Amino acid sequence: MSDSYYAGFDLGGTQLKYGVIAASGQLVFKDKAPSPPDITRLMTLIGSIWEELEQRFGQKIKAAGFGFAGFYSLTKKRILYSPNYQTLNNFPLVPQLKRVIPVPFFIHNDANLAAFGEYMFGRGQLVQSLVFLTVGTGVGSGLILEGQLWQGRGGFAGELGHITVNPEGLLCNCGNTGCLETEVSAPALVRNYLNFSGKREKQLTAKDVYLRAKSGDGAARKSFERCGYFLGIGLSIVINLLNPEKIIIGGGVMDSGRWLLSPAIAEAKKRSIEVSFALCRIEKASLGNDAGLMGAAAWARHQLNRGKALTSPGSKK
């Protein structure tokens, strides 16, 4: 049994996923819980989860990583704005987490850490530059450039979900109009289907649209084609700007596989510089829902080795 473990927390708008990796990188435990609607209950939940992890692993967890949905400021050490989980906005995360986490811990944007997870353990292994996108309720993304997580001046780099792909599109939760997120996410897929089919279904989900596309529903297939069209525009922007080795796409909507990816790749090819597109592989992510928690744990291991922990008063270095 390993002498060192690292915990990872991946907080999204609907679920808090968490787990533990061994020093070797092997995922040895994972679980999830519904994301509480308010910040007080979230901190209580994290505290109770930590107690559970201590019961399982004793004092062998050396550090913890937290991926939170939103714009995490490296200087202010808090989420300045979370479009899809607004209870995090400007909350003093560090002092509150220090009350319940007795080991060094590290915080970052959830999609950045999912990108790091795919880079370390998934489809991103053995490459030096990759772009990761996760397409679900929203669109998250992260960049690995020259083997390093690219954070930007304040920690806000890689927000590809908020590049403009449709200037005449809908208002996004971030305040912009026509973001990639408004055209490619699960709500966009459902909206497209209702528009194309003329139906008025209140409980329709993205999974329903996928199942209908599989069964031959023309409106469902057109819905994926429209999302794929805008995703392809976004991918071409990334390819022309960064010339990456790989683009890795994950998230719940990507469970549909070719229905979204095929039109996206076709559109990206049309709009990309030919030589740059030829050098870029576009693939489905391999870690699924584990990318974020594994990336958070691996980030904690990585940062601990560099001595940049946000330590609590009683922690052991």
C-alpha atoms as a PDB file:
ATOM      1  CA  MET A   1       0.000   0.000   0.000  1.00  0.00           C
ATOM      2  CA  SER A   2       1.270   3.458  -0.938  1.00  0.00           C
ATOM      3  CA  ASP A   3       2.687   5.690   1.776  1.00  0.00           C
ATOM      4  CA  SER A   4       1.438   8.845   0.054  1.00  0.00           C
ATOM      5  CA  TYR A   5      -1.950   9.786  -1.318  1.00  0.00           C
ATOM      6  CA  TYR A   6      -3.418  12.945  -2.828  1.00  0.00           C
ATOM      7  CA  ALA A   7      -7.069  13.988  -2.734  1.00  0.00           C
ATOM      8  CA  GLY A   8      -8.909  15.750  -5.524  1.00  0.00           C
ATOM      9  CA  PHE A   9     -12.213  17.640  -5.492  1.00  0.00           C
ATOM     10  CA  ASP A  10     -14.075  18.639  -8.652  1.00  0.00           C
ATOM     11  CA  LEU A  11     -16.994  20.981  -7.993  1.00  0.00           C
ATOM     12  CA  GLY A  12     -19.505  21.583 -10.761  1.00  0.00           C
ATOM     13  CA  GLY A  13     -22.929  23.173 -10.856  1.00  0.00           C
ATOM     14  CA  THR A  14     -24.707  19.923 -10.045  1.00  0.00           C
ATOM     15  CA  GLN A  15     -22.169  17.530  -8.516  1.00  0.00           C
ATOM     16  CA  LEU A  16     -19.123  17.495  -6.266  1.00  0.00           C
ATOM     17  CA  LYS A  17     -16.901  14.653  -7.431  1.00  0.00           C
ATOM     18  CA  TYR A  18     -13.968  13.640  -5.266  1.00  0.00           C
ATOM     19  CA  GLY A  19     -11.349  10.946  -5.048  1.00  0.00           C
ATOM     20  CA  VAL A  20      -7.844   9.911  -4.078  1.00  0.00           C
ATOM     21  CA  ILE A  21      -4.835   8.930  -6.166  1.00  0.00           C
ATOM     22  CA  ALA A  22      -1.737   7.095  -5.016  1.00  0.00           C
ATOM     23  CA  ALA A  23       1.716   8.594  -5.516  1.00  0.00           C
ATOM     24  CA  SER A  24       1.942   6.479  -8.689  1.00  0.00           C
ATOM     25  CA  GLY A  25      -1.132   8.231 -10.104  1.00  0.00           C
ATOM     26  CA  GLN A  26      -3.480   5.273  -9.716  1.00  0.00           C
ATOM     27  CA  LEU A  27      -7.040   6.239  -8.791  1.00  0.00           C
ATOM     28  CA  VAL A  28      -7.759   4.277  -5.608  1.00  0.00           C
ATOM     29  CA  PHE A  29     -11.050   5.823  -4.492  1.00  0.00           C
ATOM     30  CA  LYS A  30     -13.796   8.048  -5.891  1.00  0.00           C
ATOM     31  CA  ASP A  31     -17.316   9.148  -5.030  1.00  0.00           C
ATOM     32  CA  LYS A  32     -19.684  12.056  -5.609  1.00  0.00           C
ATOM     33  CA  ALA A  33     -22.375  14.097  -3.905  1.00  0.00           C
ATOM     34  CA  PRO A  34     -24.926  16.687  -5.061  1.00  0.00           C
ATOM     35  CA  SER A  35     -23.542  20.246  -5.082  1.00  0.00           C
ATOM     36  CA  PRO A  36     -25.202  22.134  -2.197  1.00  0.00           C
ATOM     37  CA  PRO A  37     -27.121  25.279  -3.181  1.00  0.00           C
ATOM     38  CA  ASP A  38     -25.319  27.547  -0.687  1.00  0.00           C
ATOM     39  CA  ILE A  39     -21.713  28.051   0.307  1.00  0.00           C
ATOM     40  CA  THR A  40     -22.133  27.222   4.003  1.00  0.00           C
ATOM     41  CA  ARG A  41     -23.468  23.779   3.231  1.00  0.00           C
ATOM     42  CA  LEU A  42     -20.718  23.294   0.652  1.00  0.00           C
ATOM     43  CA  MET A  43     -18.021  23.900   3.273  1.00  0.00           C
ATOM     44  CA  THR A  44     -19.813  21.554   5.665  1.00  0.00           C
ATOM     45  CA  LEU A  45     -19.965  18.882   2.978  1.00  0.00           C
ATOM     46  CA  ILE A  46     -16.255  19.215   2.172  1.00  0.00           C
ATOM     47  CA  GLY A  47     -15.467  18.896   5.875  1.00  0.00           C
ATOM     48  CA  SER A  48     -17.514  15.712   6.224  1.00  0.00           C
ATOM     49  CA  ILE A  49     -15.940  14.256   3.074  1.00  0.00           C
ATOM     50  CA  TRP A  50     -12.500  14.954   4.494  1.00  0.00           C
ATOM     51  CA  GLU A  51     -13.418  13.069   7.650  1.00  0.00           C
ATOM     52  CA  GLU A  52     -14.483  10.137   5.475  1.00  0.00           C
ATOM     53  CA  LEU A  53     -11.179  10.226   3.587  1.00  0.00           C
ATOM     54  CA  GLU A  54      -9.196  10.329   6.820  1.00  0.00           C
ATOM     55  CA  GLN A  55     -11.045   7.253   8.042  1.00  0.00           C
ATOM     56  CA  ARG A  56     -10.063   5.434   4.854  1.00  0.00           C
ATOM     57  CA  PHE A  57      -6.484   6.646   4.434  1.00  0.00           C
ATOM     58  CA  GLY A  58      -5.449   7.896   7.854  1.00  0.00           C
ATOM     59  CA  GLN A  59      -2.671  10.482   7.765  1.00  0.00           C
ATOM     60  CA  LYS A  60      -1.332   9.320   4.406  1.00  0.00           C
ATOM     61  CA  ILE A  61      -3.085  12.019   2.341  1.00  0.00           C
ATOM     62  CA  LYS A  62      -0.309  14.551   1.839  1.00  0.00           C
ATOM     63  CA  ALA A  63      -2.166  17.274  -0.080  1.00  0.00           C
ATOM     64  CA  ALA A  64      -5.508  18.123  -1.666  1.00  0.00           C
ATOM     65  CA  GLY A  65      -6.497  19.851  -4.893  1.00  0.00           C
ATOM     66  CA  PHE A  66      -9.743  21.723  -5.534  1.00  0.00           C
ATOM     67  CA  GLY A  67     -11.190  22.470  -8.942  1.00  0.00           C
ATOM     68  CA  PHE A  68     -13.963  25.059  -8.698  1.00  0.00           C
ATOM     69  CA  ALA A  69     -16.239  26.200 -11.507  1.00  0.00           C
ATOM     70  CA  GLY A  70     -15.529  29.841 -12.306  1.00  0.00           C
ATOM     71  CA  PHE A  71     -12.837  32.460 -12.804  1.00  0.00           C
ATOM     72  CA  TYR A  72     -10.294  31.720 -10.072  1.00  0.00           C
ATOM     73  CA  SER A  73      -7.889  34.590  -9.349  1.00  0.00           C
ATOM     74  CA  LEU A  74      -4.338  33.487  -8.584  1.00  0.00           C
ATOM     75  CA  THR A  75      -3.698  36.756  -6.770  1.00  0.00           C
ATOM     76  CA  LYS A  76      -6.928  37.131  -4.764  1.00  0.00           C
ATOM     77  CA  LYS A  77      -7.244  33.378  -4.099  1.00  0.00           C
ATOM     78  CA  ARG A  78     -10.967  33.264  -4.746  1.00  0.00           C
ATOM     79  CA  ILE A  79     -13.525  32.722  -7.495  1.00  0.00           C
ATOM     80  CA  LEU A  80     -14.312  36.199  -8.806  1.00  0.00           C
ATOM     81  CA  TYR A  81     -17.292  34.985 -10.809  1.00  0.00           C
ATOM     82  CA  SER A  82     -18.858  31.582 -11.423  1.00  0.00           C
ATOM     83  CA  PRO A  83     -21.451  31.751 -14.225  1.00  0.00           C
ATOM     84  CA  ASN A  84     -23.016  28.399 -13.361  1.00  0.00           C
ATOM     85  CA  TYR A  85     -22.456  28.199  -9.562  1.00  0.00           C
ATOM     86  CA  GLN A  86     -22.783  31.719  -8.281  1.00  0.00           C
ATOM     87  CA  THR A  87     -22.661  30.888  -4.581  1.00  0.00           C
ATOM     88  CA  LEU A  88     -18.857  30.787  -5.041  1.00  0.00           C
ATOM     89  CA  ASN A  89     -18.648  34.421  -6.154  1.00  0.00           C
ATOM     90  CA  ASN A  90     -15.977  36.286  -4.133  1.00  0.00           C
ATOM     91  CA  PHE A  91     -16.220  33.809  -1.276  1.00  0.00           C
ATOM     92  CA  PRO A  92     -13.008  33.665   0.841  1.00  0.00           C
ATOM     93  CA  LEU A  93     -12.186  30.065  -0.051  1.00  0.00           C
ATOM     94  CA  VAL A  94      -8.725  29.823   1.468  1.00  0.00           C
ATOM     95  CA  PRO A  95      -9.491  30.713   5.106  1.00  0.00           C
ATOM     96  CA  GLN A  96     -12.672  28.645   5.061  1.00  0.00           C
ATOM     97  CA  LEU A  97     -10.978  25.585   3.588  1.00  0.00           C
ATOM     98  CA  LYS A  98      -8.172  25.915   6.131  1.00  0.00           C
ATOM     99  CA  ARG A  99     -10.781  25.263   8.822  1.00  0.00           C
ATOM    100  CA  VAL A 100     -11.606  21.800   7.430  1.00  0.00           C
ATOM    101  CA  ILE A 101      -8.550  20.685   5.428  1.00  0.00           C
ATOM    102  CA  PRO A 102      -5.521  19.928   7.672  1.00  0.00           C
ATOM    103  CA  VAL A 103      -3.011  19.338   4.843  1.00  0.00           C
ATOM    104  CA  PRO A 104      -1.544  21.616   2.149  1.00  0.00           C
ATOM    105  CA  PHE A 105      -4.130  22.353  -0.543  1.00  0.00           C
ATOM    106  CA  PHE A 106      -4.288  24.010  -3.933  1.00  0.00           C
ATOM    107  CA  ILE A 107      -7.143  25.657  -5.825  1.00  0.00           C
ATOM    108  CA  HIS A 108      -7.763  26.269  -9.508  1.00  0.00           C
ATOM    109  CA  ASN A 109     -10.479  26.426 -12.130  1.00  0.00           C
ATOM    110  CA  ASP A 110     -12.161  23.034 -12.583  1.00  0.00           C
ATOM    111  CA  ALA A 111     -11.633  22.819 -16.357  1.00  0.00           C
ATOM    112  CA  ASN A 112      -7.944  23.693 -16.022  1.00  0.00           C
ATOM    113  CA  LEU A 113      -7.500  20.808 -13.630  1.00  0.00           C
ATOM    114  CA  ALA A 114      -9.487  18.469 -15.871  1.00  0.00           C
ATOM    115  CA  ALA A 115      -7.079  19.433 -18.662  1.00  0.00           C
ATOM    116  CA  PHE A 116      -4.188  18.611 -16.341  1.00  0.00           C
ATOM    117  CA  GLY A 117      -5.814  15.259 -15.555  1.00  0.00           C
ATOM    118  CA  GLU A 118      -6.101  14.311 -19.228  1.00  0.00           C
ATOM    119  CA  TYR A 119      -2.529  15.481 -19.762  1.00  0.00           C
ATOM    120  CA  MET A 120      -1.181  13.359 -16.912  1.00  0.00           C
ATOM    121  CA  PHE A 121      -3.342  10.246 -17.176  1.00  0.00           C
ATOM    122  CA  GLY A 122      -5.530  10.347 -20.271  1.00  0.00           C
ATOM    123  CA  ARG A 123      -5.388  11.160 -23.969  1.00  0.00           C
ATOM    124  CA  GLY A 124      -2.866  13.932 -23.372  1.00  0.00           C
ATOM    125  CA  GLN A 125      -0.011  11.692 -22.305  1.00  0.00           C
ATOM    126  CA  LEU A 126       3.162  12.007 -24.394  1.00  0.00           C
ATOM    127  CA  VAL A 127       2.166  15.351 -25.960  1.00  0.00           C
ATOM    128  CA  GLN A 128       3.543  18.783 -25.130  1.00  0.00           C
ATOM    129  CA  SER A 129       0.637  20.974 -26.253  1.00  0.00           C
ATOM    130  CA  LEU A 130      -3.044  20.246 -25.949  1.00  0.00           C
ATOM    131  CA  VAL A 131      -6.370  21.977 -25.639  1.00  0.00           C
ATOM    132  CA  PHE A 132      -9.051  20.384 -23.484  1.00  0.00           C
ATOM    133  CA  LEU A 133     -12.743  21.182 -23.703  1.00  0.00           C
ATOM    134  CA  THR A 134     -15.542  19.752 -21.631  1.00  0.00           C
ATOM    135  CA  VAL A 135     -19.033  20.141 -23.090  1.00  0.00           C
ATOM    136  CA  GLY A 136     -21.885  19.724 -20.649  1.00  0.00           C
ATOM    137  CA  THR A 137     -24.135  22.212 -18.872  1.00  0.00           C
ATOM    138  CA  GLY A 138     -21.542  24.762 -19.978  1.00  0.00           C
ATOM    139  CA  VAL A 139     -18.241  24.619 -21.846  1.00  0.00           C
ATOM    140  CA  GLY A 140     -15.055  24.510 -19.798  1.00  0.00           C
ATOM    141  CA  SER A 141     -11.541  24.381 -21.159  1.00  0.00           C
ATOM    142  CA  GLY A 142      -7.872  24.346 -20.287  1.00  0.00           C
ATOM    143  CA  LEU A 143      -4.536  24.647 -22.073  1.00  0.00           C
ATOM    144  CA  ILE A 144      -1.317  22.703 -21.743  1.00  0.00           C
ATOM    145  CA  LEU A 145       1.467  24.514 -23.595  1.00  0.00           C
ATOM    146  CA  GLU A 146       5.059  23.278 -23.726  1.00  0.00           C
ATOM    147  CA  GLY A 147       4.219  20.756 -21.012  1.00  0.00           C
ATOM    148  CA  GLN A 148       2.844  23.346 -18.579  1.00  0.00           C
ATOM    149  CA  LEU A 149      -0.687  24.278 -17.529  1.00  0.00           C
ATOM    150  CA  TRP A 150      -1.109  27.713 -19.096  1.00  0.00           C
ATOM    151  CA  GLN A 151      -2.708  29.952 -16.471  1.00  0.00           C
ATOM    152  CA  GLY A 152      -2.351  33.478 -17.870  1.00  0.00           C
ATOM    153  CA  ARG A 153      -1.515  36.637 -15.957  1.00  0.00           C
ATOM    154  CA  GLY A 154      -4.283  36.289 -13.382  1.00  0.00           C
ATOM    155  CA  GLY A 155      -5.240  32.627 -13.751  1.00  0.00           C
ATOM    156  CA  PHE A 156      -8.012  33.167 -16.295  1.00  0.00           C
ATOM    157  CA  ALA A 157      -6.409  31.718 -19.438  1.00  0.00           C
ATOM    158  CA  GLY A 158      -8.084  29.121 -21.603  1.00  0.00           C
ATOM    159  CA  GLU A 159     -11.722  30.240 -21.311  1.00  0.00           C
ATOM    160  CA  LEU A 160     -12.651  28.996 -24.769  1.00  0.00           C
ATOM    161  CA  GLY A 161     -16.272  28.552 -23.723  1.00  0.00           C
ATOM    162  CA  HIS A 162     -16.508  32.330 -23.783  1.00  0.00           C
ATOM    163  CA  ILE A 163     -15.043  33.095 -27.187  1.00  0.00           C
ATOM    164  CA  THR A 164     -17.635  34.571 -29.547  1.00  0.00           C
ATOM    165  CA  VAL A 165     -18.747  32.174 -32.286  1.00  0.00           C
ATOM    166  CA  ASN A 166     -22.156  33.707 -33.057  1.00  0.00           C
ATOM    167  CA  PRO A 167     -22.294  37.518 -32.754  1.00  0.00           C
ATOM    168  CA  GLU A 168     -26.072  37.370 -33.279  1.00  0.00           C
ATOM    169  CA  GLY A 169     -26.520  34.686 -30.642  1.00  0.00           C
ATOM    170  CA  LEU A 170     -27.917  34.584 -27.134  1.00  0.00           C
ATOM    171  CA  LEU A 171     -26.743  36.367 -24.007  1.00  0.00           C
ATOM    172  CA  CYS A 172     -24.341  34.191 -22.008  1.00  0.00           C
ATOM    173  CA  ASN A 173     -24.183  33.992 -18.212  1.00  0.00           C
ATOM    174  CA  CYS A 174     -20.732  35.612 -18.450  1.00  0.00           C
ATOM    175  CA  GLY A 175     -22.298  38.788 -19.909  1.00  0.00           C
ATOM    176  CA  ASN A 176     -21.099  38.312 -23.478  1.00  0.00           C
ATOM    177  CA  THR A 177     -23.320  37.483 -26.456  1.00  0.00           C
ATOM    178  CA  GLY A 178     -22.934  34.431 -28.669  1.00  0.00           C
ATOM    179  CA  CYS A 179     -20.316  32.544 -26.635  1.00  0.00           C
ATOM    180  CA  LEU A 180     -19.338  29.029 -27.641  1.00  0.00           C
ATOM    181  CA  GLU A 181     -21.058  27.894 -24.434  1.00  0.00           C
ATOM    182  CA  THR A 182     -24.410  29.282 -25.589  1.00  0.00           C
ATOM    183  CA  GLU A 183     -24.233  27.334 -28.868  1.00  0.00           C
ATOM    184  CA  VAL A 184     -22.686  23.994 -27.936  1.00  0.00           C
ATOM    185  CA  SER A 185     -23.775  23.072 -24.385  1.00  0.00           C
ATOM    186  CA  ALA A 186     -26.518  20.661 -23.340  1.00  0.00           C
ATOM    187  CA  PRO A 187     -29.131  23.465 -23.023  1.00  0.00           C
ATOM    188  CA  ALA A 188     -28.247  24.590 -26.568  1.00  0.00           C
ATOM    189  CA  LEU A 189     -28.816  21.068 -27.889  1.00  0.00           C
ATOM    190  CA  VAL A 190     -32.240  20.923 -26.270  1.00  0.00           C
ATOM    191  CA  ARG A 191     -33.108  24.421 -27.513  1.00  0.00           C
ATOM    192  CA  ASN A 192     -32.117  23.476 -31.042  1.00  0.00           C
ATOM    193  CA  TYR A 193     -34.296  20.382 -30.966  1.00  0.00           C
ATOM    194  CA  LEU A 194     -37.363  22.263 -29.769  1.00  0.00           C
ATOM    195  CA  ASN A 195     -36.819  24.865 -32.493  1.00  0.00           C
ATOM    196  CA  PHE A 196     -36.327  22.314 -35.269  1.00  0.00           C
ATOM    197  CA  SER A 197     -39.123  19.976 -34.179  1.00  0.00           C
ATOM    198  CA  GLY A 198     -41.651  22.630 -33.210  1.00  0.00           C
ATOM    199  CA  LYS A 199     -42.434  20.629 -30.062  1.00  0.00           C
ATOM    200  CA  ARG A 200     -43.057  22.016 -26.573  1.00  0.00           C
ATOM    201  CA  GLU A 201     -41.518  19.490 -24.187  1.00  0.00           C
ATOM    202  CA  LYS A 202     -40.676  20.822 -20.738  1.00  0.00           C
ATOM    203  CA  GLN A 203     -38.692  17.876 -19.365  1.00  0.00           C
ATOM    204  CA  LEU A 204     -36.543  17.186 -22.436  1.00  0.00           C
ATOM    205  CA  THR A 205     -32.843  16.487 -21.770  1.00  0.00           C
ATOM    206  CA  ALA A 206     -29.752  16.355 -23.956  1.00  0.00           C
ATOM    207  CA  LYS A 207     -29.721  12.575 -23.485  1.00  0.00           C
ATOM    208  CA  ASP A 208     -33.244  12.410 -24.897  1.00  0.00           C
ATOM    209  CA  VAL A 209     -32.091  14.313 -27.979  1.00  0.00           C
ATOM    210  CA  TYR A 210     -29.176  11.897 -28.372  1.00  0.00           C
ATOM    211  CA  LEU A 211     -31.443   8.840 -28.158  1.00  0.00           C
ATOM    212  CA  ARG A 212     -33.762  10.362 -30.742  1.00  0.00           C
ATOM    213  CA  ALA A 213     -30.843  11.095 -33.054  1.00  0.00           C
ATOM    214  CA  LYS A 214     -29.784   7.452 -32.774  1.00  0.00           C
ATOM    215  CA  SER A 215     -33.315   6.325 -33.657  1.00  0.00           C
ATOM    216  CA  GLY A 216     -33.373   8.479 -36.795  1.00  0.00           C
ATOM    217  CA  ASP A 217     -35.151  11.635 -35.630  1.00  0.00           C
ATOM    218  CA  GLY A 218     -34.250  14.305 -38.200  1.00  0.00           C
ATOM    219  CA  ALA A 219     -34.736  17.242 -35.839  1.00  0.00           C
ATOM    220  CA  ALA A 220     -32.424  15.619 -33.286  1.00  0.00           C
ATOM    221  CA  ARG A 221     -29.718  15.078 -35.873  1.00  0.00           C
ATOM    222  CA  LYS A 222     -30.035  18.662 -37.095  1.00  0.00           C
ATOM    223  CA  SER A 223     -29.672  19.797 -33.487  1.00  0.00           C
ATOM    224  CA  PHE A 224     -26.322  18.028 -33.208  1.00  0.00           C
ATOM    225  CA  GLU A 225     -25.251  19.372 -36.591  1.00  0.00           C
ATOM    226  CA  ARG A 226     -25.927  22.942 -35.466  1.00  0.00           C
ATOM    227  CA  CYS A 227     -23.971  22.440 -32.219  1.00  0.00           C
ATOM    228  CA  GLY A 228     -21.196  20.761 -34.190  1.00  0.00           C
ATOM    229  CA  TYR A 229     -21.087  23.662 -36.629  1.00  0.00           C
ATOM    230  CA  PHE A 230     -20.381  26.179 -33.862  1.00  0.00           C
ATOM    231  CA  LEU A 231     -18.025  23.823 -32.054  1.00  0.00           C
ATOM    232  CA  GLY A 232     -16.089  23.510 -35.316  1.00  0.00           C
ATOM    233  CA  ILE A 233     -15.785  27.290 -35.521  1.00  0.00           C
ATOM    234  CA  GLY A 234     -14.371  27.335 -32.001  1.00  0.00           C
ATOM    235  CA  LEU A 235     -11.939  24.523 -32.765  1.00  0.00           C
ATOM    236  CA  SER A 236     -10.666  26.291 -35.880  1.00  0.00           C
ATOM    237  CA  ILE A 237      -9.952  29.427 -33.840  1.00  0.00           C
ATOM    238  CA  VAL A 238      -7.927  27.335 -31.403  1.00  0.00           C
ATOM    239  CA  ILE A 239      -6.061  25.493 -34.161  1.00  0.00           C
ATOM    240  CA  ASN A 240      -5.172  28.673 -36.047  1.00  0.00           C
ATOM    241  CA  LEU A 241      -4.109  30.482 -32.882  1.00  0.00           C
ATOM    242  CA  LEU A 242      -2.165  27.798 -31.001  1.00  0.00           C
ATOM    243  CA  ASN A 243      -1.237  25.057 -33.504  1.00  0.00           C
ATOM    244  CA  PRO A 244      -1.700  22.375 -30.785  1.00  0.00           C
ATOM    245  CA  GLU A 245      -0.759  18.718 -31.077  1.00  0.00           C
ATOM    246  CA  LYS A 246      -4.121  17.592 -29.720  1.00  0.00           C
ATOM    247  CA  ILE A 247      -7.599  18.839 -28.921  1.00  0.00           C
ATOM    248  CA  ILE A 248      -9.349  16.614 -26.404  1.00  0.00           C
ATOM    249  CA  ILE A 249     -13.104  16.938 -25.905  1.00  0.00           C
ATOM    250  CA  GLY A 250     -14.999  15.513 -22.937  1.00  0.00           C
ATOM    251  CA  GLY A 251     -18.140  16.184 -20.930  1.00  0.00           C
ATOM    252  CA  GLY A 252     -21.655  14.778 -20.892  1.00  0.00           C
ATOM    253  CA  VAL A 253     -22.638  16.002 -24.356  1.00  0.00           C
ATOM    254  CA  MET A 254     -19.602  14.194 -25.803  1.00  0.00           C
ATOM    255  CA  ASP A 255     -21.195  10.906 -24.747  1.00  0.00           C
ATOM    256  CA  SER A 256     -23.096  11.315 -28.012  1.00  0.00           C
ATOM    257  CA  GLY A 257     -19.824  10.595 -29.826  1.00  0.00           C
ATOM    258  CA  ARG A 258     -19.933  11.045 -33.582  1.00  0.00           C
ATOM    259  CA  TRP A 259     -23.215  12.959 -33.626  1.00  0.00           C
ATOM    260  CA  LEU A 260     -21.402  16.027 -32.299  1.00  0.00           C
ATOM    261  CA  LEU A 261     -17.784  15.301 -33.168  1.00  0.00           C
ATOM    262  CA  SER A 262     -18.204  14.515 -36.873  1.00  0.00           C
ATOM    263  CA  PRO A 263     -19.819  17.837 -37.868  1.00  0.00           C
ATOM    264  CA  ALA A 264     -17.425  19.694 -35.555  1.00  0.00           C
ATOM    265  CA  ILE A 265     -14.329  18.186 -37.181  1.00  0.00           C
ATOM    266  CA  ALA A 266     -15.741  18.800 -40.661  1.00  0.00           C
ATOM    267  CA  GLU A 267     -16.355  22.486 -39.900  1.00  0.00           C
ATOM    268  CA  ALA A 268     -12.996  22.899 -38.188  1.00  0.00           C
ATOM    269  CA  LYS A 269     -11.256  21.482 -41.250  1.00  0.00           C
ATOM    270  CA  LYS A 270     -13.011  23.992 -43.506  1.00  0.00           C
ATOM    271  CA  ARG A 271     -11.975  26.951 -41.371  1.00  0.00           C
ATOM    272  CA  SER A 272      -8.506  25.973 -40.183  1.00  0.00           C
ATOM    273  CA  ILE A 273      -5.174  26.674 -41.812  1.00  0.00           C
ATOM    274  CA  GLU A 274      -4.568  23.428 -43.682  1.00  0.00           C
ATOM    275  CA  VAL A 275      -1.062  22.710 -42.426  1.00  0.00           C
ATOM    276  CA  SER A 276      -2.031  23.444 -38.821  1.00  0.00           C
ATOM    277  CA  PHE A 277      -5.150  21.265 -38.981  1.00  0.00           C
ATOM    278  CA  ALA A 278      -3.074  18.397 -40.419  1.00  0.00           C
ATOM    279  CA  LEU A 279      -0.820  18.427 -37.349  1.00  0.00           C
ATOM    280  CA  CYS A 280      -3.673  18.427 -34.811  1.00  0.00           C
ATOM    281  CA  ARG A 281      -5.466  15.318 -33.592  1.00  0.00           C
ATOM    282  CA  ILE A 282      -9.002  15.876 -32.309  1.00  0.00           C
ATOM    283  CA  GLU A 283     -10.070  13.105 -29.940  1.00  0.00           C
ATOM    284  CA  LYS A 284     -12.672  12.229 -27.364  1.00  0.00           C
ATOM    285  CA  ALA A 285     -11.405  12.440 -23.758  1.00  0.00           C
ATOM    286  CA  SER A 286     -10.651   9.148 -22.037  1.00  0.00           C
ATOM    287  CA  LEU A 287     -11.090   9.867 -18.317  1.00  0.00           C
ATOM    288  CA  GLY A 288     -14.757  10.838 -18.367  1.00  0.00           C
ATOM    289  CA  ASN A 289     -16.015  12.309 -15.104  1.00  0.00           C
ATOM    290  CA  ASP A 290     -12.762  11.358 -13.372  1.00  0.00           C
ATOM    291  CA  ALA A 291     -10.629  13.908 -15.259  1.00  0.00           C
ATOM    292  CA  GLY A 292     -11.364  16.782 -12.888  1.00  0.00           C
ATOM    293  CA  LEU A 293     -10.815  14.984  -9.591  1.00  0.00           C
ATOM    294  CA  MET A 294      -7.738  13.158 -10.878  1.00  0.00           C
ATOM    295  CA  GLY A 295      -6.352  16.390 -12.275  1.00  0.00           C
ATOM    296  CA  ALA A 296      -6.988  18.183  -8.981  1.00  0.00           C
ATOM    297  CA  ALA A 297      -5.198  15.453  -7.034  1.00  0.00           C
ATOM    298  CA  ALA A 298      -2.305  15.395  -9.499  1.00  0.00           C
ATOM    299  CA  TRP A 299      -2.082  19.198  -9.371  1.00  0.00           C
ATOM    300  CA  ALA A 300      -1.824  18.985  -5.577  1.00  0.00           C
ATOM    301  CA  ARG A 301       1.000  16.445  -5.899  1.00  0.00           C
ATOM    302  CA  HIS A 302       2.728  18.591  -8.529  1.00  0.00           C
ATOM    303  CA  GLN A 303       2.430  21.833  -6.579  1.00  0.00           C
ATOM    304  CA  LEU A 304       3.407  20.264  -3.264  1.00  0.00           C
ATOM    305  CA  ASN A 305       6.645  19.143  -4.833  1.00  0.00           C
ATOM    306  CA  ARG A 306       7.229  22.753  -5.873  1.00  0.00           C
ATOM    307  CA  GLY A 307       6.491  24.036  -2.359  1.00  0.00           C
ATOM    308  CA  LYS A 308       3.545  26.299  -3.190  1.00  0.00           C
ATOM    309  CA  ALA A 309       0.927  25.067  -0.762  1.00  0.00           C
ATOM    310  CA  LEU A 310      -1.823  27.038   0.921  1.00  0.00           C
ATOM    311  CA  THR A 311      -1.191  25.398   4.262  1.00  0.00           C
ATOM    312  CA  SER A 312      -3.433  25.388   7.270  1.00  0.00           C
ATOM    313  CA  PRO A 313      -1.983  26.245  10.694  1.00  0.00           C
ATOM    314  CA  GLY A 314      -1.739  22.647  11.865  1.00  0.00           C
ATOM    315  CA  SER A 315      -0.611  21.039   8.639  1.00  0.00           C
ATOM    316  CA  LYS A 316       2.519  18.931   8.300  1.00  0.00           C
ATOM    317  CA  LYS A 317       4.892  19.739   5.458  1.00  0.00           C
END
